[in-house]
N, C-alpha and C. Protein backbone atom coordinates (compact mmCIF):
# COMPACT_ATOMS: atom_id res chain seq x y z
N UNK A 1 10.54 16.75 -2.80
CA UNK A 1 9.59 15.18 -2.31
C UNK A 1 8.95 16.07 -0.95
N UNK A 2 9.12 16.97 -0.43
CA UNK A 2 7.94 17.73 0.48
C UNK A 2 6.66 17.08 -0.36
N UNK A 3 5.75 17.45 -1.35
CA UNK A 3 4.96 17.44 -1.83
C UNK A 3 4.44 15.91 -1.65
N UNK A 4 5.86 15.10 -2.88
CA UNK A 4 5.49 13.67 -2.88
C UNK A 4 4.57 12.68 -1.29
N UNK A 5 5.86 13.51 0.51
CA UNK A 5 5.51 13.19 1.22
C UNK A 5 3.61 13.58 1.84
N UNK A 6 3.69 14.63 1.63
CA UNK A 6 2.33 15.52 1.87
C UNK A 6 0.94 15.01 1.35
N UNK A 7 1.12 14.37 -0.32
CA UNK A 7 0.42 14.15 -1.15
C UNK A 7 0.39 11.99 -0.43
N UNK A 8 0.88 11.64 0.28
CA UNK A 8 1.54 10.28 0.51
C UNK A 8 0.72 10.24 1.71
N UNK A 9 1.59 11.22 2.84
CA UNK A 9 0.13 11.12 4.64
C UNK A 9 -1.17 11.32 4.29
N UNK A 10 -1.64 11.79 3.11
CA UNK A 10 -3.24 12.47 2.68
C UNK A 10 -3.99 11.46 2.60
N UNK A 11 -3.54 10.38 1.35
CA UNK A 11 -3.87 9.51 1.07
C UNK A 11 -3.88 8.22 2.10
N UNK A 12 -2.60 8.16 2.98
CA UNK A 12 -2.87 7.16 3.64
C UNK A 12 -3.60 7.51 4.82
N UNK A 13 -3.53 8.24 4.78
CA UNK A 13 -5.01 9.35 6.37
C UNK A 13 -6.71 8.65 5.85
N UNK A 14 -6.65 8.82 4.54
CA UNK A 14 -7.93 8.54 4.13
C UNK A 14 -8.56 7.25 4.10
N UNK A 15 -7.23 6.51 3.84
CA UNK A 15 -6.92 4.78 3.71
C UNK A 15 -7.31 4.09 4.96
N UNK A 16 -6.71 5.07 6.23
CA UNK A 16 -7.30 4.61 7.73
C UNK A 16 -7.57 4.61 8.24
N UNK A 17 -8.46 5.96 7.38
CA UNK A 17 -10.43 6.15 7.96
C UNK A 17 -11.42 4.94 7.44
N UNK A 18 -11.11 4.10 6.49
CA UNK A 18 -11.78 2.59 6.10
C UNK A 18 -11.79 1.99 7.93
N UNK A 19 -10.95 1.96 8.54
CA UNK A 19 -10.50 0.99 10.29
C UNK A 19 -11.60 2.17 10.86
N UNK A 20 -12.18 3.04 10.42
CA UNK A 20 -13.26 3.58 11.52
C UNK A 20 -14.99 3.58 10.86
N UNK A 21 -14.51 3.36 9.88
CA UNK A 21 -15.82 3.69 8.92
C UNK A 21 -16.48 2.34 8.57
N UNK A 22 -16.04 1.18 8.80
CA UNK A 22 -16.56 -0.22 8.48
C UNK A 22 -16.12 -0.94 9.08
N UNK A 23 -16.83 -2.47 9.36
CA UNK A 23 -16.31 -3.37 10.81
C UNK A 23 -15.22 -4.04 9.99
N UNK A 24 -15.06 -4.79 10.33
CA UNK A 24 -13.86 -5.99 10.20
C UNK A 24 -15.04 -7.09 9.09
N UNK A 25 -16.09 -7.33 9.22
CA UNK A 25 -17.35 -8.00 8.14
C UNK A 25 -16.93 -7.71 6.81
N UNK A 26 -17.21 -5.99 7.09
CA UNK A 26 -17.36 -5.14 5.83
C UNK A 26 -16.37 -4.95 5.10
N UNK A 27 -14.66 -4.86 5.45
CA UNK A 27 -13.87 -4.95 5.51
C UNK A 27 -13.67 -6.00 4.44
N UNK A 28 -13.38 -7.38 4.98
CA UNK A 28 -13.71 -8.60 4.75
C UNK A 28 -14.68 -9.04 2.83
N UNK A 29 -15.49 -8.20 2.98
CA UNK A 29 -16.50 -8.34 2.25
C UNK A 29 -16.34 -8.59 0.22
N UNK A 30 -16.03 -9.11 0.17
CA UNK A 30 -15.89 -9.24 -1.85
C UNK A 30 -17.00 -9.18 -2.17
N UNK A 31 -17.60 -7.81 -2.91
CA UNK A 31 -19.27 -8.14 -3.32
C UNK A 31 -18.57 -8.44 -4.99
N UNK A 32 -20.10 -8.65 -5.25
CA UNK A 32 -20.58 -9.58 -6.76
C UNK A 32 -19.50 -8.45 -7.38
N UNK A 33 -19.20 -9.26 -8.61
CA UNK A 33 -18.11 -8.74 -9.98
C UNK A 33 -17.18 -8.15 -9.40
N UNK A 34 -16.28 -8.35 -8.36
CA UNK A 34 -15.28 -8.27 -8.06
C UNK A 34 -14.51 -9.19 -7.50
N UNK A 35 -13.09 -8.84 -7.38
CA UNK A 35 -12.07 -9.99 -7.16
C UNK A 35 -11.72 -9.39 -5.68
N UNK A 36 -11.63 -8.64 -4.76
CA UNK A 36 -11.51 -8.09 -3.79
C UNK A 36 -11.76 -7.86 -2.89
N UNK A 37 -11.51 -7.03 -2.03
CA UNK A 37 -11.82 -6.51 -1.03
C UNK A 37 -11.42 -5.08 -0.43
N UNK A 38 -12.10 -4.71 0.52
CA UNK A 38 -11.61 -3.21 0.94
C UNK A 38 -10.29 -3.19 1.42
N UNK A 39 -9.74 -4.75 2.52
CA UNK A 39 -8.43 -4.82 3.38
C UNK A 39 -7.68 -5.27 2.61
N UNK A 40 -8.09 -5.86 1.39
CA UNK A 40 -6.93 -6.57 0.52
C UNK A 40 -6.19 -5.63 0.26
N UNK A 41 -6.65 -4.36 -0.54
CA UNK A 41 -6.54 -3.23 -1.36
C UNK A 41 -5.76 -2.47 0.10
N UNK A 42 -5.57 -2.30 1.21
CA UNK A 42 -4.93 -1.72 1.43
C UNK A 42 -3.81 -2.64 1.99
N UNK A 43 -4.24 -3.77 2.58
CA UNK A 43 -2.69 -4.58 2.17
C UNK A 43 -1.50 -4.26 0.81
N UNK A 44 -2.23 -4.55 -0.02
CA UNK A 44 -1.25 -4.36 -1.22
C UNK A 44 -0.93 -3.05 -1.68
N UNK A 45 -1.45 -1.65 -0.69
CA UNK A 45 -0.70 -0.27 -1.47
C UNK A 45 0.11 -0.67 -0.26
N UNK A 46 0.21 -1.27 0.57
CA UNK A 46 1.11 -1.40 1.51
C UNK A 46 2.26 -2.35 1.19
N UNK A 47 2.74 -3.70 0.82
CA UNK A 47 3.13 -4.29 -0.21
C UNK A 47 3.54 -3.47 -0.74
N UNK A 48 2.67 -2.81 -2.11
CA UNK A 48 3.73 -2.59 -2.88
C UNK A 48 4.51 -1.13 -2.80
N UNK A 49 4.32 -0.12 -1.70
CA UNK A 49 4.92 0.55 -1.21
C UNK A 49 6.81 0.34 -0.90
N UNK A 50 6.03 -0.87 -0.33
CA UNK A 50 7.89 -1.84 0.43
C UNK A 50 8.83 -1.65 -0.96
N UNK A 51 8.04 -2.66 -1.60
CA UNK A 51 8.56 -3.35 -2.70
C UNK A 51 9.03 -1.99 -3.69
N UNK A 52 7.87 -1.12 -3.92
CA UNK A 52 8.30 0.05 -4.81
C UNK A 52 10.16 0.56 -3.98
N UNK A 53 9.98 1.21 -3.28
CA UNK A 53 10.85 1.91 -2.50
C UNK A 53 11.73 1.33 -2.16
N UNK A 54 11.46 0.20 -0.74
CA UNK A 54 12.86 -0.28 -0.52
C UNK A 54 13.81 -1.63 -1.59
N UNK A 55 12.81 -2.36 -1.52
CA UNK A 55 13.33 -3.30 -2.22
C UNK A 55 13.85 -2.87 -4.13
N UNK A 56 13.80 -1.73 -4.58
CA UNK A 56 13.94 -1.43 -5.77
C UNK A 56 15.56 -0.51 -5.49
N UNK A 57 15.36 -0.48 -3.64
CA UNK A 57 16.40 0.30 -3.35
C UNK A 57 17.56 -0.57 -2.60
N UNK A 58 17.03 -2.14 -2.56
CA UNK A 58 18.00 -3.22 -2.21
C UNK A 58 18.09 -2.84 -0.73
N UNK A 59 16.60 -2.36 -0.39
CA UNK A 59 16.46 -2.24 1.71
C UNK A 59 15.51 -3.72 1.94
N UNK A 60 16.34 -4.39 3.33
CA UNK A 60 15.05 -5.01 3.18
C UNK A 60 13.30 -4.62 3.72
N UNK A 61 13.29 -3.47 4.24
CA UNK A 61 12.09 -3.18 4.45
C UNK A 61 11.66 -3.33 5.65
N UNK A 62 10.33 -2.72 6.13
CA UNK A 62 9.40 -3.19 7.04
C UNK A 62 8.44 -4.22 7.92
N UNK A 63 8.00 -5.01 6.01
CA UNK A 63 6.81 -5.66 6.23
C UNK A 63 6.96 -7.12 6.17
N UNK A 64 6.82 -7.78 6.79
CA UNK A 64 7.06 -9.30 6.89
C UNK A 64 7.11 -10.60 5.32
N UNK A 65 7.59 -10.84 5.39
CA UNK A 65 7.36 -12.09 3.21
C UNK A 65 5.67 -13.08 4.05
N UNK A 66 5.70 -13.21 4.76
CA UNK A 66 4.01 -13.57 4.89
C UNK A 66 2.70 -12.54 4.14
N UNK A 67 3.22 -10.74 4.55
CA UNK A 67 2.49 -9.89 4.63
C UNK A 67 2.38 -9.75 2.95
N UNK A 68 3.35 -9.74 2.52
CA UNK A 68 4.38 -9.62 0.81
C UNK A 68 3.35 -10.60 0.08
N UNK A 69 3.76 -12.30 0.80
CA UNK A 69 2.62 -13.44 -0.35
C UNK A 69 1.62 -13.02 -0.26
N UNK A 70 0.70 -12.37 0.29
CA UNK A 70 -0.99 -12.18 0.60
C UNK A 70 -1.42 -11.29 -0.42
N UNK A 71 -0.67 -9.90 -0.55
CA UNK A 71 -1.38 -8.91 -0.74
C UNK A 71 -0.30 -8.33 -1.95
N UNK A 72 0.51 -9.38 -2.60
CA UNK A 72 1.47 -8.40 -3.51
C UNK A 72 0.85 -8.99 -5.19
N UNK A 73 1.33 -8.12 -6.07
CA UNK A 73 0.25 -7.66 -7.04
C UNK A 73 -0.12 -9.55 -7.77
N UNK A 74 -1.13 -9.76 -8.16
CA UNK A 74 -1.48 -11.21 -8.22
C UNK A 74 -2.25 -11.92 -7.86
N UNK A 75 -2.55 -11.33 -6.65
CA UNK A 75 -2.82 -12.41 -5.44
C UNK A 75 -4.74 -11.66 -5.45
N UNK A 76 -5.42 -12.22 -4.93
CA UNK A 76 -6.49 -12.16 -4.01
C UNK A 76 -6.96 -12.41 -2.89
N UNK A 77 -7.83 -12.23 -2.14
CA UNK A 77 -8.15 -12.49 -0.75
C UNK A 77 -8.55 -13.94 -0.66
N UNK A 78 -7.63 -15.11 0.39
CA UNK A 78 -7.99 -16.12 0.45
C UNK A 78 -8.64 -16.95 0.95
N UNK A 79 -9.18 -15.61 1.94
CA UNK A 79 -10.43 -16.01 3.04
C UNK A 79 -10.24 -14.66 4.12
N UNK A 80 -11.59 -14.77 5.04
CA UNK A 80 -11.33 -13.27 5.91
C UNK A 80 -10.00 -13.11 6.13
N UNK A 81 -9.31 -11.94 6.56
CA UNK A 81 -8.41 -11.42 7.14
C UNK A 81 -9.18 -11.55 9.46
N UNK A 82 -8.30 -11.48 10.26
CA UNK A 82 -8.81 -11.85 11.25
C UNK A 82 -8.47 -10.24 12.15
N UNK A 83 -8.91 -10.05 12.91
CA UNK A 83 -8.44 -8.59 13.47
C UNK A 83 -7.71 -8.40 13.91
N UNK A 84 -6.73 -9.14 14.29
CA UNK A 84 -5.25 -9.04 14.38
C UNK A 84 -4.43 -8.31 13.56
N UNK A 85 -4.91 -8.65 12.30
CA UNK A 85 -3.87 -8.49 11.10
C UNK A 85 -4.29 -7.85 10.14
N UNK A 86 -6.13 -7.14 10.74
CA UNK A 86 -6.13 -5.66 11.14
C UNK A 86 -5.95 -4.83 11.00
N UNK A 87 -5.60 -5.08 13.05
CA UNK A 87 -4.79 -3.71 13.46
C UNK A 87 -3.44 -4.00 12.72
N UNK A 88 -2.88 -4.92 13.03
CA UNK A 88 -1.47 -5.08 12.06
C UNK A 88 -1.16 -3.98 11.00
N UNK A 89 -2.56 -4.53 9.52
CA UNK A 89 -2.46 -3.46 8.52
C UNK A 89 -2.90 -1.61 9.39
N UNK A 90 -3.25 -1.65 10.02
CA UNK A 90 -4.11 -0.53 10.10
C UNK A 90 -2.43 0.53 10.89
N UNK A 91 -1.63 0.04 11.68
CA UNK A 91 -0.79 0.15 12.75
C UNK A 91 0.32 0.80 11.51
N UNK A 92 0.56 -0.40 10.49
CA UNK A 92 1.21 -0.14 9.38
C UNK A 92 1.61 0.48 8.06
N UNK A 93 -0.09 0.80 8.39
CA UNK A 93 0.04 2.18 6.92
C UNK A 93 -0.32 3.57 7.36
N UNK A 94 0.07 3.54 9.27
CA UNK A 94 0.31 5.46 8.81
C UNK A 94 2.36 4.87 9.25
N UNK A 95 1.99 3.86 10.06
CA UNK A 95 4.10 3.95 10.72
C UNK A 95 4.94 4.17 9.81
N UNK A 96 4.87 3.02 8.97
CA UNK A 96 5.49 2.92 7.74
C UNK A 96 6.06 4.45 6.58
N UNK A 97 4.72 5.10 6.97
CA UNK A 97 5.34 6.28 6.43
C UNK A 97 6.19 7.47 7.09
N UNK A 98 6.25 7.33 8.37
CA UNK A 98 7.28 7.84 9.20
C UNK A 98 8.63 7.21 9.00
N UNK A 99 8.90 5.77 9.27
CA UNK A 99 9.71 5.04 8.74
C UNK A 99 10.63 5.81 7.66
N UNK A 100 9.45 5.35 6.52
CA UNK A 100 9.43 6.20 5.39
C UNK A 100 10.59 7.42 4.99
N UNK A 101 9.74 8.13 5.69
CA UNK A 101 10.22 9.68 5.80
C UNK A 101 11.81 10.05 6.77
N UNK A 102 11.70 9.45 7.73
CA UNK A 102 13.37 9.28 8.12
C UNK A 102 14.27 8.28 7.79
N UNK A 103 14.08 7.30 7.10
CA UNK A 103 14.92 6.76 5.96
C UNK A 103 15.95 7.86 4.64
N UNK A 104 14.52 8.01 4.26
CA UNK A 104 14.46 9.07 3.45
C UNK A 104 15.71 10.04 3.85
N UNK A 105 14.97 11.39 5.06
CA UNK A 105 15.99 12.07 5.29
C UNK A 105 17.22 11.84 6.12
N UNK A 106 17.51 10.93 6.54
CA UNK A 106 18.69 9.98 6.98
C UNK A 106 19.68 9.53 6.02
N UNK A 107 18.98 9.58 4.44
CA UNK A 107 20.31 9.15 3.46
C UNK A 107 19.79 7.56 3.72
N UNK A 108 19.05 6.69 4.17
CA UNK A 108 19.57 5.19 3.47
C UNK A 108 18.91 4.53 1.97
N UNK A 109 18.42 5.63 1.15
CA UNK A 109 18.30 5.59 -0.07
C UNK A 109 19.17 5.39 -0.54
N UNK A 110 20.18 4.48 -1.36
CA UNK A 110 21.86 5.66 -1.90
C UNK A 110 21.68 4.78 -3.55
N UNK A 111 21.78 3.74 -3.38
CA UNK A 111 20.87 3.29 -5.28
C UNK A 111 19.82 2.66 -4.89
N UNK A 112 19.31 2.53 -7.22
CA UNK A 112 18.48 1.99 -6.88
C UNK A 112 17.65 1.01 -8.46
N UNK A 113 16.88 -0.07 -8.21
CA UNK A 113 17.10 -0.84 -9.95
C UNK A 113 16.11 -0.10 -10.43
N UNK A 114 16.38 0.29 -11.84
CA UNK A 114 15.19 0.62 -12.77
C UNK A 114 14.25 -0.51 -12.23
N UNK A 115 13.28 -0.61 -13.19
CA UNK A 115 11.83 -1.55 -13.15
C UNK A 115 10.61 -0.61 -14.10
N UNK A 116 10.19 -1.68 -14.65
CA UNK A 116 9.22 -1.53 -15.53
C UNK A 116 7.77 -1.85 -14.58
N UNK A 117 7.08 -1.36 -14.71
CA UNK A 117 5.99 -1.60 -13.40
C UNK A 117 5.10 -2.48 -14.44
N UNK A 118 4.70 -2.92 -14.47
CA UNK A 118 2.89 -3.64 -14.95
C UNK A 118 2.14 -2.92 -15.13
N UNK A 119 2.08 -1.96 -15.57
CA UNK A 119 1.19 -0.59 -16.30
C UNK A 119 1.94 0.09 -17.19
N UNK A 120 3.27 0.34 -16.88
CA UNK A 120 3.93 0.21 -18.70
C UNK A 120 4.69 1.42 -17.95
N UNK A 121 4.64 1.88 -16.41
CA UNK A 121 5.70 2.98 -16.80
C UNK A 121 7.40 2.80 -15.63
N UNK A 122 7.98 3.34 -16.33
CA UNK A 122 9.36 2.99 -16.09
C UNK A 122 9.63 4.09 -15.38
N UNK A 123 10.16 3.15 -14.15
CA UNK A 123 10.34 3.58 -12.89
C UNK A 123 12.84 3.77 -13.08
N UNK A 124 12.66 4.91 -13.01
CA UNK A 124 14.57 5.27 -13.36
C UNK A 124 14.45 5.53 -12.32
N UNK A 125 14.04 6.24 -11.40
CA UNK A 125 15.03 6.95 -9.86
C UNK A 125 13.69 6.36 -8.65
N UNK A 126 14.48 6.55 -7.30
CA UNK A 126 13.41 7.02 -5.93
C UNK A 126 12.61 7.45 -6.43
N UNK A 127 12.64 8.76 -6.76
CA UNK A 127 12.21 9.90 -6.88
C UNK A 127 10.41 9.21 -7.56
N UNK A 128 10.87 8.51 -8.66
CA UNK A 128 9.91 7.89 -9.57
C UNK A 128 9.14 6.99 -8.74
N UNK A 129 9.98 6.31 -8.27
CA UNK A 129 8.77 5.52 -6.95
C UNK A 129 8.27 5.45 -6.02
N UNK A 130 8.35 7.14 -5.93
CA UNK A 130 7.73 7.53 -4.56
C UNK A 130 6.31 8.17 -5.51
N UNK A 131 6.14 8.91 -6.59
CA UNK A 131 5.01 9.69 -7.25
C UNK A 131 4.52 8.11 -7.95
N UNK A 132 5.22 7.09 -8.28
CA UNK A 132 3.59 6.28 -8.82
C UNK A 132 3.60 5.53 -7.91
N UNK A 133 4.19 5.29 -6.68
CA UNK A 133 3.36 4.90 -5.13
C UNK A 133 2.19 5.77 -5.39
N UNK A 134 2.17 7.48 -5.06
CA UNK A 134 1.05 8.09 -5.08
C UNK A 134 -0.07 7.75 -5.47
N UNK A 135 0.46 7.69 -7.10
CA UNK A 135 -0.69 7.21 -8.43
C UNK A 135 -1.06 5.53 -7.59
N UNK A 136 -0.44 4.73 -8.00
CA UNK A 136 -0.66 3.92 -7.59
C UNK A 136 -2.03 3.39 -6.32
N UNK A 137 -1.49 4.10 -5.39
CA UNK A 137 -2.20 4.16 -4.21
C UNK A 137 -3.79 4.79 -4.31
N UNK A 138 -3.72 5.87 -5.12
CA UNK A 138 -4.67 6.72 -6.10
C UNK A 138 -5.44 5.36 -6.35
N UNK A 139 -5.06 5.26 -7.72
CA UNK A 139 -5.94 3.94 -8.07
C UNK A 139 -6.85 3.89 -7.54
N UNK A 140 -6.24 2.48 -5.67
CA UNK A 140 -6.64 1.38 -5.26
C UNK A 140 -7.47 2.21 -4.53
N UNK A 141 -7.37 3.89 -3.99
CA UNK A 141 -7.94 3.82 -3.17
C UNK A 141 -9.68 4.57 -3.91
N UNK A 142 -9.42 4.72 -5.39
CA UNK A 142 -10.72 4.87 -6.30
C UNK A 142 -11.10 3.31 -6.26
N UNK A 143 -10.82 1.83 -6.14
CA UNK A 143 -11.06 0.63 -6.21
C UNK A 143 -12.63 0.61 -4.86
N UNK A 144 -11.74 1.54 -3.53
CA UNK A 144 -12.04 0.63 -2.56
C UNK A 144 -13.19 2.07 -2.52
N UNK A 145 -13.49 3.54 -3.14
CA UNK A 145 -14.35 4.16 -3.15
C UNK A 145 -16.10 3.26 -3.96
N UNK A 146 -15.58 3.11 -5.08
CA UNK A 146 -16.75 1.71 -5.72
C UNK A 146 -16.72 0.14 -4.95
N UNK A 147 -15.95 0.08 -4.50
CA UNK A 147 -16.11 -1.26 -3.46
C UNK A 147 -17.16 -0.60 -1.62
N UNK A 148 -17.18 0.12 -1.70
CA UNK A 148 -18.02 0.80 -0.25
C UNK A 148 -18.62 1.32 -0.68
N UNK A 149 -19.20 1.05 -1.51
CA UNK A 149 -20.92 0.88 -1.97
C UNK A 149 -21.80 -0.35 -2.01
N UNK A 150 -20.70 -1.18 -1.63
CA UNK A 150 -21.11 -2.39 -2.12
C UNK A 150 -21.41 -3.44 -0.45
N UNK A 151 -20.77 -2.68 0.46
CA UNK A 151 -20.18 -3.51 1.73
C UNK A 151 -21.73 -2.87 2.82
């Protein structure tokens, strides 16, 4: 699991850099031909991780129901994200890694409910969920690298 957490921390640092390199207006911009923006992708990966790791383990997680409903799979931006929400997402992006790693080390994850992802991955264990999460975040980082060319 050490390499899984190392990869995840690196991914989250790359994602966090978007808050420093782009204005709120740029983070909210949806380029022609795209259905979402940079900030939506960040919110989505936060919500997805909480669902994959915590929900499937029967634990409540650390993200509000409001954020979950805004960024869950199948959603798209309904309007611009405020500076306050952007700040919250930036904080969650990094703090949730530490909280999740602590929870893992403290044995908080006892059970796991198998699930087939929308892309066809069969998750049978917490290890699968963590590994799929890193894959999923990599996909969205790739989308963001495409979007950033147009903001």
